[in-house]
Protein backbone atom coordinates (compact mmCIF):
# COMPACT_ATOMS: atom_id res chain seq x y z
CA MET A 1 78.72 -31.56 51.66
CA LYS A 2 75.16 -31.65 51.19
CA ARG A 3 73.94 -31.98 47.70
CA GLY A 4 71.55 -29.28 46.46
CA VAL A 5 68.04 -30.17 45.61
CA PHE A 6 66.71 -28.94 42.30
CA ARG A 7 63.11 -28.64 41.47
CA VAL A 8 61.71 -28.45 38.01
CA TRP A 9 58.90 -26.00 37.52
CA GLN A 10 56.46 -26.85 34.74
CA ALA A 11 54.65 -23.89 33.30
CA LYS A 12 50.87 -23.94 33.01
CA PRO A 13 49.52 -24.22 29.45
CA THR A 14 48.14 -21.11 28.01
CA GLY A 15 44.87 -20.88 25.97
CA PHE A 16 41.41 -22.41 26.62
CA THR A 17 40.35 -25.85 27.38
CA LEU A 18 37.67 -27.41 25.25
CA VAL A 19 35.05 -27.00 28.00
CA GLU A 20 35.88 -23.28 28.33
CA LEU A 21 35.59 -22.81 24.58
CA LEU A 22 32.12 -24.53 24.60
CA VAL A 23 31.00 -22.21 27.43
CA VAL A 24 32.19 -19.08 25.52
CA ILE A 25 30.43 -20.21 22.39
CA THR A 26 27.24 -20.89 24.28
CA ILE A 27 27.25 -17.53 25.83
CA ILE A 28 27.86 -15.88 22.48
CA GLY A 29 25.12 -17.94 20.99
CA VAL A 30 22.65 -16.74 23.82
CA LEU A 31 23.62 -13.14 23.32
CA ILE A 32 23.10 -13.20 19.60
CA SER A 33 19.69 -14.87 20.06
CA LEU A 34 18.82 -12.24 22.54
CA LEU A 35 19.95 -9.32 20.22
CA LEU A 36 18.87 -10.56 16.89
CA PRO A 37 15.09 -9.91 17.59
CA ALA A 38 16.02 -6.39 18.83
CA VAL A 39 18.12 -5.72 15.74
CA GLN A 40 15.27 -7.03 13.44
CA ALA A 41 12.69 -4.84 15.34
CA ALA A 42 14.96 -1.77 14.84
CA ARG A 43 15.30 -2.42 11.15
CA GLU A 44 11.54 -2.99 10.81
CA ALA A 45 10.81 0.29 12.80
CA ALA A 46 13.21 1.97 10.27
CA ARG A 47 11.31 0.56 7.30
CA LYS A 48 7.87 1.39 8.78
CA MET A 49 9.22 4.97 9.22
CA GLN A 50 10.28 5.13 5.68
CA CYS A 51 6.92 3.75 4.46
CA ALA A 52 5.09 6.36 6.49
CA ASN A 53 7.35 9.12 4.93
CA ASN A 54 6.63 7.64 1.33
CA LEU A 55 2.82 7.90 2.21
CA ARG A 56 3.27 11.45 3.49
CA GLN A 57 5.00 12.60 0.26
CA LEU A 58 2.35 11.04 -1.92
CA THR A 59 -0.42 12.69 0.19
CA LEU A 60 1.40 16.03 -0.01
CA GLY A 61 1.53 15.62 -3.87
CA VAL A 62 -2.19 15.05 -4.04
CA LEU A 63 -2.81 18.03 -1.80
CA ASN A 64 -0.48 20.31 -3.85
CA SER A 65 -2.32 19.14 -6.97
CA GLU A 66 -5.63 20.10 -5.31
CA ASN A 67 -4.44 23.43 -4.21
CA ALA A 68 -3.15 24.18 -7.76
CA ASN A 69 -5.98 22.97 -9.73
CA GLY A 70 -9.05 23.54 -7.29
CA HIS A 71 -9.85 19.72 -7.22
CA PHE A 72 -8.21 16.49 -6.38
CA PRO A 73 -6.74 14.44 -9.14
CA PRO A 74 -9.28 12.07 -10.83
CA GLY A 75 -9.14 8.83 -8.78
CA VAL A 76 -10.13 6.73 -11.80
CA THR A 77 -10.51 7.57 -15.51
CA TRP A 78 -12.27 4.85 -17.65
CA TYR A 79 -12.70 3.96 -21.20
CA PRO A 80 -13.64 5.60 -23.54
CA ASP A 81 -11.55 8.30 -21.83
CA PRO A 82 -7.90 7.52 -21.60
CA CYS A 83 -7.44 5.20 -18.65
CA HIS A 84 -5.08 6.16 -15.74
CA GLY A 85 -5.16 7.05 -12.05
CA TRP A 86 -4.35 9.76 -9.61
CA ALA A 87 -0.60 9.32 -9.87
CA LEU A 88 -0.51 10.97 -13.30
CA ASP A 89 -1.62 14.31 -11.81
CA THR A 90 0.10 13.87 -8.54
CA LEU A 91 3.70 13.18 -9.52
CA PRO A 92 4.38 16.49 -11.13
CA TYR A 93 3.92 18.24 -7.79
CA MET A 94 6.53 15.74 -6.30
CA GLU A 95 9.44 16.65 -8.64
CA TYR A 96 8.64 13.85 -11.00
CA GLY A 97 7.52 16.22 -13.78
CA ASN A 98 10.31 15.04 -16.18
CA LEU A 99 9.17 11.42 -15.85
CA ILE A 100 5.50 12.31 -16.53
CA ASP A 101 6.38 14.62 -19.52
CA GLY A 102 6.97 11.39 -21.51
CA PHE A 103 3.54 10.11 -20.83
CA ASP A 104 0.94 10.27 -23.68
CA ARG A 105 -2.26 11.41 -22.06
CA ASN A 106 -4.29 10.70 -25.16
CA ALA A 107 -3.43 7.03 -24.72
CA HIS A 108 -4.30 4.50 -22.02
CA TRP A 109 -1.73 3.91 -19.29
CA SER A 110 -1.31 0.32 -20.59
CA ASP A 111 -0.80 1.39 -24.31
CA ALA A 112 2.58 0.46 -25.79
CA VAL A 113 3.39 4.11 -26.41
CA ASN A 114 3.65 4.71 -22.52
CA GLN A 115 5.84 1.66 -21.88
CA SER A 116 8.99 3.62 -21.26
CA VAL A 117 7.15 5.67 -18.62
CA VAL A 118 5.14 3.02 -16.72
CA LYS A 119 8.16 0.68 -16.32
CA GLN A 120 9.93 3.43 -14.27
CA GLN A 121 10.65 2.35 -10.77
CA ILE A 122 9.43 5.17 -8.50
CA PRO A 123 10.94 4.65 -4.93
CA VAL A 124 8.14 6.75 -3.26
CA PHE A 125 5.59 4.12 -4.38
CA GLN A 126 7.69 1.28 -2.79
CA CYS A 127 7.48 0.24 0.79
CA PRO A 128 10.78 -1.31 1.95
CA SER A 129 9.08 -3.94 4.04
CA THR A 130 7.40 -5.47 0.82
CA PRO A 131 9.03 -8.56 -0.68
CA THR A 132 10.81 -7.51 -3.92
CA PRO A 133 9.52 -3.80 -3.85
CA THR A 134 11.12 -3.21 -7.34
CA ARG A 135 9.34 -6.01 -8.94
CA LEU A 136 8.06 -5.62 -12.58
CA ILE A 137 4.43 -6.51 -13.26
CA ASN A 138 3.73 -8.63 -16.26
CA PRO A 139 1.39 -9.12 -17.96
CA ILE A 140 -0.60 -5.89 -17.56
CA GLN A 141 -4.30 -5.43 -18.11
CA GLY A 142 -5.98 -2.67 -20.14
CA TYR A 143 -8.04 -1.79 -23.06
CA ASP A 144 -7.14 -2.33 -26.73
CA SER A 145 -8.01 -0.14 -29.53
CA SER A 146 -11.62 -1.48 -29.70
CA GLY A 147 -12.31 -1.03 -26.00
CA THR A 148 -11.83 -4.68 -25.12
CA LEU A 149 -10.19 -5.36 -21.73
CA VAL A 150 -7.32 -7.62 -22.42
CA LYS A 151 -4.04 -8.74 -20.82
CA PHE A 152 -0.83 -7.54 -22.69
CA ALA A 153 1.80 -10.26 -22.19
CA ASP A 154 4.44 -8.22 -23.89
CA ARG A 155 4.13 -5.25 -21.64
CA TYR A 156 5.46 -4.37 -18.16
CA ALA A 157 4.77 -1.83 -15.42
CA ALA A 158 6.48 -0.90 -12.10
CA PRO A 159 4.34 -1.46 -8.84
CA ALA A 160 2.70 0.67 -6.37
CA ASP A 161 2.56 -0.36 -2.76
CA TYR A 162 0.07 2.49 -2.03
CA GLY A 163 -3.32 3.00 -3.49
CA ALA A 164 -6.49 5.08 -3.13
CA PRO A 165 -9.69 3.83 -1.92
CA ARG A 166 -12.84 4.83 -3.89
CA GLY A 167 -14.73 4.33 -0.76
CA TRP A 168 -16.44 1.12 0.68
CA ALA A 169 -18.58 -1.24 -1.03
CA ASP A 170 -20.57 -3.69 1.26
CA SER A 171 -24.22 -4.20 0.63
CA ARG A 172 -24.67 -5.73 4.18
CA TYR A 173 -24.38 -2.13 5.60
CA SER A 174 -24.38 0.52 3.03
CA ALA A 175 -28.08 0.52 2.05
CA THR A 176 -28.87 2.55 5.25
CA VAL A 177 -26.06 5.04 4.56
CA ASN A 178 -26.40 5.57 0.73
CA PRO A 179 -29.95 4.57 -0.33
CA ALA A 180 -29.19 5.70 -3.86
CA ASP A 181 -26.81 2.80 -4.38
CA SER A 182 -26.99 0.03 -1.79
CA SER A 183 -23.46 -1.33 -2.56
CA ARG A 184 -21.15 1.63 -2.51
CA VAL A 185 -20.25 4.67 -0.35
CA SER A 186 -17.98 7.17 -2.06
CA GLY A 187 -14.57 8.26 -0.61
CA ALA A 188 -12.39 11.23 -1.04
CA PHE A 189 -11.55 10.71 -4.78
CA VAL A 190 -14.99 9.61 -6.09
CA LYS A 191 -18.26 11.61 -6.59
CA THR A 192 -21.46 9.92 -5.19
CA LEU A 193 -22.25 7.08 -7.61
CA THR A 194 -25.37 5.17 -8.30
CA SER A 195 -25.77 1.88 -10.16
CA SER A 196 -26.66 3.75 -13.37
CA SER A 197 -23.54 6.09 -13.30
CA SER A 198 -21.71 6.26 -16.50
CA SER A 199 -18.25 4.84 -16.57
CA LYS A 200 -16.82 8.08 -18.04
CA SER A 201 -14.39 10.10 -15.96
CA SER A 202 -16.89 12.84 -15.23
CA ALA A 203 -19.05 10.55 -13.19
CA TRP A 204 -16.18 9.40 -10.97
CA GLY A 205 -14.68 12.72 -10.18
CA PRO A 206 -12.84 14.96 -9.48
CA THR A 207 -13.82 15.86 -6.05
CA THR A 208 -12.93 19.11 -4.21
CA MET A 209 -11.91 19.83 -0.64
CA SER A 210 -15.45 21.05 0.04
CA ASP A 211 -16.75 17.46 -0.84
CA ILE A 212 -15.00 16.12 2.21
CA LYS A 213 -17.82 16.84 4.58
CA ASP A 214 -16.89 14.46 7.33
CA GLY A 215 -13.66 16.55 7.93
CA ALA A 216 -10.13 16.32 6.54
CA SER A 217 -8.84 14.66 9.60
CA ASN A 218 -11.37 11.96 9.52
CA SER A 219 -11.28 10.87 5.93
CA ILE A 220 -8.83 8.38 4.56
CA LEU A 221 -7.11 9.67 1.36
CA LEU A 222 -4.30 7.00 0.57
CA CYS A 223 -3.09 3.78 2.21
CA GLU A 224 -0.66 0.94 1.93
CA GLN A 225 -1.76 -1.88 -0.46
CA ALA A 226 1.58 -3.64 -0.50
CA GLY A 227 2.63 -6.78 -2.53
CA ARG A 228 0.34 -6.40 -5.49
CA PRO A 229 -0.12 -7.87 -7.98
CA ASP A 230 0.51 -11.00 -5.83
CA LEU A 231 -2.66 -11.81 -3.76
CA TYR A 232 -2.53 -12.35 -0.06
CA TYR A 233 -5.27 -13.53 2.36
CA GLY A 234 -3.93 -12.81 5.80
CA ARG A 235 -0.29 -13.33 5.61
CA GLU A 236 -0.61 -16.26 3.01
CA LEU A 237 0.56 -15.67 -0.48
CA GLN A 238 -2.07 -17.17 -2.91
CA PRO A 239 -1.44 -18.94 -6.16
CA SER A 240 -1.40 -16.65 -9.19
CA SER A 241 -4.52 -18.50 -10.37
CA VAL A 242 -6.62 -17.30 -7.51
CA GLY A 243 -6.11 -13.52 -7.94
CA TYR A 244 -3.89 -11.14 -9.90
CA ASP A 245 -4.25 -7.41 -9.75
CA SER A 246 -2.46 -6.39 -12.86
CA TRP A 247 -5.32 -3.84 -13.30
CA ASN A 248 -4.75 -1.82 -10.23
CA GLY A 249 -1.20 -2.86 -9.08
CA PRO A 250 0.99 -0.50 -11.20
CA TRP A 251 1.53 3.01 -10.09
CA ALA A 252 0.48 4.31 -13.45
CA SER A 253 -2.85 2.40 -13.46
CA GLN A 254 -6.29 3.43 -12.05
CA ASN A 255 -4.91 2.16 -8.69
CA CYS A 256 -8.18 3.25 -6.95
CA GLY A 257 -10.55 0.52 -5.87
CA TRP A 258 -13.45 -0.19 -3.64
CA PHE A 259 -12.57 -1.49 -0.17
CA TRP A 260 -14.46 -3.87 2.18
CA ALA A 261 -13.89 -5.86 5.35
CA THR A 262 -13.19 -9.51 4.77
CA ASP A 263 -13.08 -12.95 6.56
CA GLY A 264 -9.37 -13.07 6.31
CA VAL A 265 -9.11 -16.27 4.39
CA SER A 266 -10.82 -15.18 1.12
CA SER A 267 -12.28 -12.10 -0.54
CA SER A 268 -15.65 -12.79 0.99
CA LYS A 269 -17.17 -10.13 3.21
CA GLY A 270 -16.34 -10.36 6.97
CA GLU A 271 -15.11 -8.16 9.88
CA ILE A 272 -11.39 -7.95 9.29
CA CYS A 273 -10.36 -4.62 7.93
CA ILE A 274 -6.63 -4.45 7.99
CA ASN A 275 -4.08 -6.82 6.66
CA ALA A 276 -6.61 -9.46 5.59
CA TYR A 277 -6.82 -8.97 1.84
CA ASN A 278 -4.30 -6.71 -0.05
CA LEU A 279 -6.47 -5.91 -3.02
CA LYS A 280 -9.57 -4.45 -1.21
CA GLN A 281 -8.35 -2.88 2.05
CA PRO A 282 -5.13 -1.43 3.70
CA TYR A 283 -2.45 -4.10 3.71
CA SER A 284 1.14 -4.15 4.74
CA PHE A 285 3.95 -6.35 5.70
CA HIS A 286 4.54 -4.46 8.92
CA PRO A 287 3.43 -6.32 12.14
CA GLY A 288 -0.01 -5.35 13.53
CA GLY A 289 -1.34 -2.87 11.09
CA ALA A 290 -0.85 -0.59 8.04
CA ASN A 291 -0.15 3.12 7.32
CA VAL A 292 -2.96 5.23 6.08
CA SER A 293 -3.09 9.07 5.18
CA MET A 294 -5.84 11.36 5.85
CA VAL A 295 -7.08 14.33 3.71
CA ASP A 296 -5.43 16.75 6.15
CA GLY A 297 -1.92 15.19 5.27
CA SER A 298 -1.50 13.30 8.42
CA VAL A 299 -0.37 9.70 8.48
CA HIS A 300 -1.49 7.02 10.94
CA PHE A 301 -0.85 3.53 11.61
CA LEU A 302 -4.14 1.71 11.82
CA MET A 303 -4.15 -1.46 13.98
CA GLU A 304 -5.46 -4.81 12.72
CA GLY A 305 -8.10 -4.93 15.24
CA ILE A 306 -10.03 -1.81 14.21
CA GLU A 307 -13.79 -2.12 14.27
CA ARG A 308 -15.48 -2.42 10.76
CA SER A 309 -17.88 0.48 11.67
CA VAL A 310 -15.05 2.77 12.37
CA PHE A 311 -13.07 1.70 9.30
CA TYR A 312 -15.93 2.23 7.00
CA ALA A 313 -16.67 5.65 8.65
CA LEU A 314 -13.07 6.58 7.93
CA LEU A 315 -13.38 5.56 4.22
CA SER A 316 -16.48 7.76 3.58
CA ARG A 317 -16.11 11.45 2.94
CA GLU A 318 -19.73 12.61 3.76
CA GLY A 319 -21.23 9.72 5.71
CA GLY A 320 -22.02 11.95 8.64
CA GLU A 321 -20.45 9.56 11.19
CA VAL A 322 -18.97 10.94 14.36
CA VAL A 323 -15.49 9.15 14.39
CA SER A 324 -11.80 9.97 14.83
CA VAL A 325 -8.61 7.98 13.96
CA PRO A 326 -8.10 5.57 16.54
């Protein structure tokens, strides 16, 4: 009788080999590296949209104030008047009346009596792309009881990533536009100034819609000025000893300054108009440009390559230039 032959079958091992695992890990890494920029771009697009919405709300608040009072809020008020900026007369038209009710209008914004108000974080003033948008500014700068400009080391203020240009200030070009004052051309918030203008509020405004002679769609009202009081030249954060805008950085402050094109590496005059200097021109942490709003309420993203002549024309309210938002 023939003996049977038995074969032993060995089952194949389950699972992955080391090589297969390495291949899978490599593929996953490649996919993540491809998807991450897209995710980051989508997040930045959302932040940019939120920023534009903030600016639109602030602009509508200014326009509602103008409609109710017959003039724009004073862009700047100066000593010996109680010092503050356009936000004080804008926020009540944006459902922030309860916050402003606690503000003592007979005192400077930097006065100790207004500390509980000016320290309030207001989300509509904060761009989500800005590093630490809920930062507190300390010290703050203002006038003491004798009219001396000092820094108050014991006082704090919440920031504003949006500001109002007074107009543009560049003696290289403005003499031919505004012979009365060869260094400044007024914007939407400021009456025409001369070198002998008083520092009192009446000399600085308020303006009316009829003063916007270049057209509401061609005149900048507000813009991003993100990151203040920290100073940025280009995308480089500067040491605090170089510059510190505790004067205009808080939302409750004057927050309305002269603008000019710079060289991108300092505050010196140059040809770069956007994202070169966050204290004296539109500046954002969005790639490629910054948001601005016009007197007609529209919001636009101005690209970094905008020509200086176009930028200055958009800043003036009665320069007579023929220009439109690029």
